[in-house]
C-alpha atoms as a PDB file:
ATOM      1  CA  UNK A   1      94.770 103.373 138.229  1.00  0.00           C
ATOM      2  CA  UNK A   2      93.320 105.841 139.538  1.00  0.00           C
ATOM      3  CA  UNK A   3      89.330 106.711 139.042  1.00  0.00           C
ATOM      4  CA  UNK A   4      90.027 109.832 136.450  1.00  0.00           C
ATOM      5  CA  UNK A   5      92.785 107.648 134.003  1.00  0.00           C
ATOM      6  CA  UNK A   6      89.908 104.779 134.330  1.00  0.00           C
ATOM      7  CA  UNK A   7      86.698 107.170 132.961  1.00  0.00           C
ATOM      8  CA  UNK A   8      88.921 108.539 130.226  1.00  0.00           C
ATOM      9  CA  UNK A   9      89.523 104.977 129.218  1.00  0.00           C
ATOM     10  CA  UNK A  10      85.821 104.135 129.501  1.00  0.00           C
ATOM     11  CA  UNK A  11      85.321 107.600 127.255  1.00  0.00           C
ATOM     12  CA  UNK A  12      88.215 106.899 124.580  1.00  0.00           C
ATOM     13  CA  UNK A  13      86.851 103.112 124.560  1.00  0.00           C
ATOM     14  CA  UNK A  14      82.973 104.252 123.703  1.00  0.00           C
ATOM     15  CA  UNK A  15      83.614 107.893 122.073  1.00  0.00           C
ATOM     16  CA  UNK A  16      82.484 107.937 118.892  1.00  0.00           C
ATOM     17  CA  UNK A  17      84.785 108.124 115.870  1.00  0.00           C
ATOM     18  CA  UNK A  18      85.863 111.475 114.514  1.00  0.00           C
ATOM     19  CA  UNK A  19      88.304 110.655 112.094  1.00  0.00           C
ATOM     20  CA  UNK A  20      88.950 107.871 109.614  1.00  0.00           C
ATOM     21  CA  UNK A  21      92.728 107.008 111.659  1.00  0.00           C
ATOM     22  CA  UNK A  22      90.253 105.550 114.917  1.00  0.00           C
ATOM     23  CA  UNK A  23      89.640 102.947 113.225  1.00  0.00           C
ATOM     24  CA  UNK A  24      91.140  99.581 112.753  1.00  0.00           C
ATOM     25  CA  UNK A  25      90.163  96.395 110.457  1.00  0.00           C
ATOM     26  CA  UNK A  26      91.238  92.754 110.189  1.00  0.00           C
ATOM     27  CA  UNK A  27      92.882  92.164 106.946  1.00  0.00           C
ATOM     28  CA  UNK A  28      92.343  88.869 104.881  1.00  0.00           C
ATOM     29  CA  UNK A  29      95.273  86.968 106.394  1.00  0.00           C
ATOM     30  CA  UNK A  30      93.887  87.890 109.766  1.00  0.00           C
ATOM     31  CA  UNK A  31      96.410  90.135 111.253  1.00  0.00           C
ATOM     32  CA  UNK A  32      94.894  93.511 113.122  1.00  0.00           C
ATOM     33  CA  UNK A  33      95.434  96.838 110.639  1.00  0.00           C
ATOM     34  CA  UNK A  34      95.446 100.157 112.382  1.00  0.00           C
ATOM     35  CA  UNK A  35      94.428 103.067 109.699  1.00  0.00           C
ATOM     36  CA  UNK A  36      96.027 105.168 112.033  1.00  0.00           C
ATOM     37  CA  UNK A  37      99.522 103.355 110.189  1.00  0.00           C
ATOM     38  CA  UNK A  38      98.933 105.704 106.727  1.00  0.00           C
ATOM     39  CA  UNK A  39      98.743 109.099 107.639  1.00  0.00           C
ATOM     40  CA  UNK A  40     100.270 111.339 105.330  1.00  0.00           C
ATOM     41  CA  UNK A  41      99.196 109.021 102.560  1.00  0.00           C
ATOM     42  CA  UNK A  42      96.188 109.015 100.790  1.00  0.00           C
ATOM     43  CA  UNK A  43      93.818 106.041 101.135  1.00  0.00           C
ATOM     44  CA  UNK A  44      91.794 104.633  98.478  1.00  0.00           C
ATOM     45  CA  UNK A  45      88.420 102.177 100.370  1.00  0.00           C
ATOM     46  CA  UNK A  46      86.771 100.366  97.839  1.00  0.00           C
ATOM     47  CA  UNK A  47      83.861  97.784  98.423  1.00  0.00           C
ATOM     48  CA  UNK A  48      85.008  94.720  96.104  1.00  0.00           C
ATOM     49  CA  UNK A  49      83.260  91.107  95.187  1.00  0.00           C
ATOM     50  CA  UNK A  50      84.716  88.698  93.195  1.00  0.00           C
ATOM     51  CA  UNK A  51      81.672  88.026  90.569  1.00  0.00           C
ATOM     52  CA  UNK A  52      80.152  91.173  89.903  1.00  0.00           C
ATOM     53  CA  UNK A  53      80.302  92.962  86.548  1.00  0.00           C
ATOM     54  CA  UNK A  54      82.626  95.528  87.801  1.00  0.00           C
ATOM     55  CA  UNK A  55      85.179  92.792  89.033  1.00  0.00           C
ATOM     56  CA  UNK A  56      88.025  94.055  86.151  1.00  0.00           C
ATOM     57  CA  UNK A  57      88.357  96.789  88.077  1.00  0.00           C
ATOM     58  CA  UNK A  58      90.690  94.963  90.169  1.00  0.00           C
ATOM     59  CA  UNK A  59      93.458  95.110  87.352  1.00  0.00           C
ATOM     60  CA  UNK A  60      93.204  99.153  87.511  1.00  0.00           C
ATOM     61  CA  UNK A  61      93.089  98.853  90.867  1.00  0.00           C
ATOM     62  CA  UNK A  62      96.032  97.137  91.231  1.00  0.00           C
ATOM     63  CA  UNK A  63      97.654  99.210  87.976  1.00  0.00           C
ATOM     64  CA  UNK A  64      96.616 102.273  90.592  1.00  0.00           C
ATOM     65  CA  UNK A  65      98.933 100.455  93.227  1.00  0.00           C
ATOM     66  CA  UNK A  66     101.916 100.359  91.092  1.00  0.00           C
ATOM     67  CA  UNK A  67     101.733 104.072  90.046  1.00  0.00           C
ATOM     68  CA  UNK A  68     101.148 105.595  93.153  1.00  0.00           C
ATOM     69  CA  UNK A  69     101.982 102.918  96.037  1.00  0.00           C
ATOM     70  CA  UNK A  70     104.263 104.985  97.360  1.00  0.00           C
ATOM     71  CA  UNK A  71     101.702 107.494  98.303  1.00  0.00           C
ATOM     72  CA  UNK A  72      98.522 105.553  97.970  1.00  0.00           C
ATOM     73  CA  UNK A  73      96.944 103.043  99.895  1.00  0.00           C
ATOM     74  CA  UNK A  74      94.525 100.936  98.103  1.00  0.00           C
ATOM     75  CA  UNK A  75      92.128  98.778 100.647  1.00  0.00           C
ATOM     76  CA  UNK A  76      89.800  96.376  99.170  1.00  0.00           C
ATOM     77  CA  UNK A  77      87.066  95.256 101.284  1.00  0.00           C
ATOM     78  CA  UNK A  78      84.911  92.276 100.136  1.00  0.00           C
ATOM     79  CA  UNK A  79      81.687  92.086 100.559  1.00  0.00           C
ATOM     80  CA  UNK A  80      78.563  90.039  99.807  1.00  0.00           C
ATOM     81  CA  UNK A  81      75.786  92.595 100.438  1.00  0.00           C
ATOM     82  CA  UNK A  82      75.168  92.688  96.575  1.00  0.00           C
ATOM     83  CA  UNK A  83      73.176  89.780  94.986  1.00  0.00           C
ATOM     84  CA  UNK A  84      75.364  87.165  96.454  1.00  0.00           C
ATOM     85  CA  UNK A  85      78.122  88.539  94.591  1.00  0.00           C
ATOM     86  CA  UNK A  86      80.763  87.740  96.770  1.00  0.00           C
ATOM     87  CA  UNK A  87      79.933  84.178  98.169  1.00  0.00           C
ATOM     88  CA  UNK A  88      83.357  83.232  98.668  1.00  0.00           C
ATOM     89  CA  UNK A  89      85.192  82.602 102.028  1.00  0.00           C
ATOM     90  CA  UNK A  90      88.205  85.062 103.276  1.00  0.00           C
ATOM     91  CA  UNK A  91      90.741  82.520 101.589  1.00  0.00           C
ATOM     92  CA  UNK A  92      88.899  82.000  98.499  1.00  0.00           C
ATOM     93  CA  UNK A  93      88.886  85.546  98.141  1.00  0.00           C
ATOM     94  CA  UNK A  94      92.084  86.358  98.306  1.00  0.00           C
ATOM     95  CA  UNK A  95      93.051  82.899  96.341  1.00  0.00           C
ATOM     96  CA  UNK A  96      90.732  84.717  93.107  1.00  0.00           C
ATOM     97  CA  UNK A  97      92.249  88.279  93.735  1.00  0.00           C
ATOM     98  CA  UNK A  98      96.028  87.085  93.064  1.00  0.00           C
ATOM     99  CA  UNK A  99      95.348  84.233  90.502  1.00  0.00           C
ATOM    100  CA  UNK A 100      93.622  86.163  88.144  1.00  0.00           C
ATOM    101  CA  UNK A 101      94.764  90.173  89.163  1.00  0.00           C
ATOM    102  CA  UNK A 102      97.988  89.582  90.596  1.00  0.00           C
ATOM    103  CA  UNK A 103      96.789  91.896  93.754  1.00  0.00           C
ATOM    104  CA  UNK A 104      99.273  92.945  95.655  1.00  0.00           C
ATOM    105  CA  UNK A 105      97.269  95.308  97.785  1.00  0.00           C
ATOM    106  CA  UNK A 106      95.523  95.279 100.891  1.00  0.00           C
ATOM    107  CA  UNK A 107      92.391  93.183 101.377  1.00  0.00           C
ATOM    108  CA  UNK A 108      90.546  93.204 104.675  1.00  0.00           C
ATOM    109  CA  UNK A 109      88.721  90.169 105.530  1.00  0.00           C
ATOM    110  CA  UNK A 110      85.142  89.663 103.904  1.00  0.00           C
ATOM    111  CA  UNK A 111      82.407  92.409 105.540  1.00  0.00           C
ATOM    112  CA  UNK A 112      78.972  94.574 105.344  1.00  0.00           C
ATOM    113  CA  UNK A 113      79.030  97.471 103.605  1.00  0.00           C
ATOM    114  CA  UNK A 114      75.359  97.845 104.476  1.00  0.00           C
ATOM    115  CA  UNK A 115      72.386  96.961 106.591  1.00  0.00           C
ATOM    116  CA  UNK A 116      72.054  96.062 109.944  1.00  0.00           C
ATOM    117  CA  UNK A 117      76.004  94.487 110.522  1.00  0.00           C
ATOM    118  CA  UNK A 118      77.624  97.266 108.570  1.00  0.00           C
ATOM    119  CA  UNK A 119      81.309  97.661 109.455  1.00  0.00           C
ATOM    120  CA  UNK A 120      81.820 100.652 111.310  1.00  0.00           C
ATOM    121  CA  UNK A 121      84.194 102.249 108.861  1.00  0.00           C
ATOM    122  CA  UNK A 122      81.784 102.030 106.533  1.00  0.00           C
ATOM    123  CA  UNK A 123      79.039 103.478 108.679  1.00  0.00           C
ATOM    124  CA  UNK A 124      81.546 106.483 109.719  1.00  0.00           C
ATOM    125  CA  UNK A 125      82.055 106.648 105.457  1.00  0.00           C
ATOM    126  CA  UNK A 126      79.142 106.765 104.514  1.00  0.00           C
ATOM    127  CA  UNK A 127      77.681 109.458 107.512  1.00  0.00           C
ATOM    128  CA  UNK A 128      76.842 113.085 107.924  1.00  0.00           C
ATOM    129  CA  UNK A 129      80.356 113.530 108.871  1.00  0.00           C
ATOM    130  CA  UNK A 130      81.374 113.106 105.260  1.00  0.00           C
ATOM    131  CA  UNK A 131      79.158 114.995 103.652  1.00  0.00           C
ATOM    132  CA  UNK A 132      80.546 114.466  99.841  1.00  0.00           C
ATOM    133  CA  UNK A 133      77.691 112.516  99.378  1.00  0.00           C
ATOM    134  CA  UNK A 134      76.254 110.460 102.196  1.00  0.00           C
ATOM    135  CA  UNK A 135      74.093 107.505 102.136  1.00  0.00           C
ATOM    136  CA  UNK A 136      74.137 103.977 101.426  1.00  0.00           C
ATOM    137  CA  UNK A 137      76.634 102.008  98.802  1.00  0.00           C
ATOM    138  CA  UNK A 138      74.563 101.293  96.409  1.00  0.00           C
ATOM    139  CA  UNK A 139      77.110  98.467  94.533  1.00  0.00           C
ATOM    140  CA  UNK A 140      80.086  96.857  94.676  1.00  0.00           C
ATOM    141  CA  UNK A 141      83.109  98.473  93.761  1.00  0.00           C
ATOM    142  CA  UNK A 142      82.212 101.785  95.832  1.00  0.00           C
ATOM    143  CA  UNK A 143      85.172 104.032  96.042  1.00  0.00           C
ATOM    144  CA  UNK A 144      86.581 106.187  98.752  1.00  0.00           C
ATOM    145  CA  UNK A 145      89.519 108.484  98.542  1.00  0.00           C
ATOM    146  CA  UNK A 146      90.447 110.166 101.341  1.00  0.00           C
ATOM    147  CA  UNK A 147      93.442 112.601 101.591  1.00  0.00           C
ATOM    148  CA  UNK A 148      96.899 113.002 103.109  1.00  0.00           C
ATOM    149  CA  UNK A 149      95.119 114.860 106.099  1.00  0.00           C
ATOM    150  CA  UNK A 150      93.007 111.878 106.764  1.00  0.00           C
ATOM    151  CA  UNK A 151      89.721 113.555 105.527  1.00  0.00           C
ATOM    152  CA  UNK A 152      87.131 112.371 102.971  1.00  0.00           C
ATOM    153  CA  UNK A 153      88.446 113.724  99.540  1.00  0.00           C
ATOM    154  CA  UNK A 154      85.699 112.395  97.230  1.00  0.00           C
ATOM    155  CA  UNK A 155      83.104 109.280  96.729  1.00  0.00           C
ATOM    156  CA  UNK A 156      82.730 108.029  93.943  1.00  0.00           C
ATOM    157  CA  UNK A 157      80.568 105.494  92.392  1.00  0.00           C
ATOM    158  CA  UNK A 158      80.890 102.040  90.956  1.00  0.00           C
ATOM    159  CA  UNK A 159      80.990 103.064  87.234  1.00  0.00           C
ATOM    160  CA  UNK A 160      84.124 105.411  88.212  1.00  0.00           C
ATOM    161  CA  UNK A 161      87.656 103.103  87.089  1.00  0.00           C
ATOM    162  CA  UNK A 162      89.852 103.424  89.436  1.00  0.00           C
ATOM    163  CA  UNK A 163      92.492 104.879  86.715  1.00  0.00           C
ATOM    164  CA  UNK A 164      90.039 107.628  85.962  1.00  0.00           C
ATOM    165  CA  UNK A 165      91.468 111.385  86.126  1.00  0.00           C
ATOM    166  CA  UNK A 166      89.069 112.405  88.398  1.00  0.00           C
ATOM    167  CA  UNK A 167      90.885 109.818  91.040  1.00  0.00           C
ATOM    168  CA  UNK A 168      94.231 110.118  89.666  1.00  0.00           C
ATOM    169  CA  UNK A 169      94.297 113.969  89.281  1.00  0.00           C
ATOM    170  CA  UNK A 170      93.824 113.881  93.136  1.00  0.00           C
ATOM    171  CA  UNK A 171      97.011 111.838  93.963  1.00  0.00           C
ATOM    172  CA  UNK A 172      99.339 114.412  92.390  1.00  0.00           C
END
């Protein structure tokens, strides 16, 4: 390897992410998932929790997945950042989601969506580069809709149901 190729490799390893496609995450099953695999599709990223008043949104996320799954990737990111509402292990979370809501859409391993240990993807999504509205996530089940071009279309607060027309109208 030449000095120049080594420098280019190091720069690419430490360069800040500029696109959703620069990220990878670990699925709840332990597999590495590259966001670049979803180029050309809409992506709905949701921070989830099993013991929240909004947990019933899993049902509607699953319905959205079944209706738009050809052109939409839904990824739930379980997080225990709000009131201890996601205390389970990855295995317990997966069992809960499958048993109670029939979830077949993609789930990540449990992550932090705010604070000093914030997952890099959520740091990017809540930053100035995605100016739809920035700042910390306020509660479970906030949603980030990424367009087919990889850019943030809109960020939705917890109270917006996944089947709301403000989301589904963006998927057509």
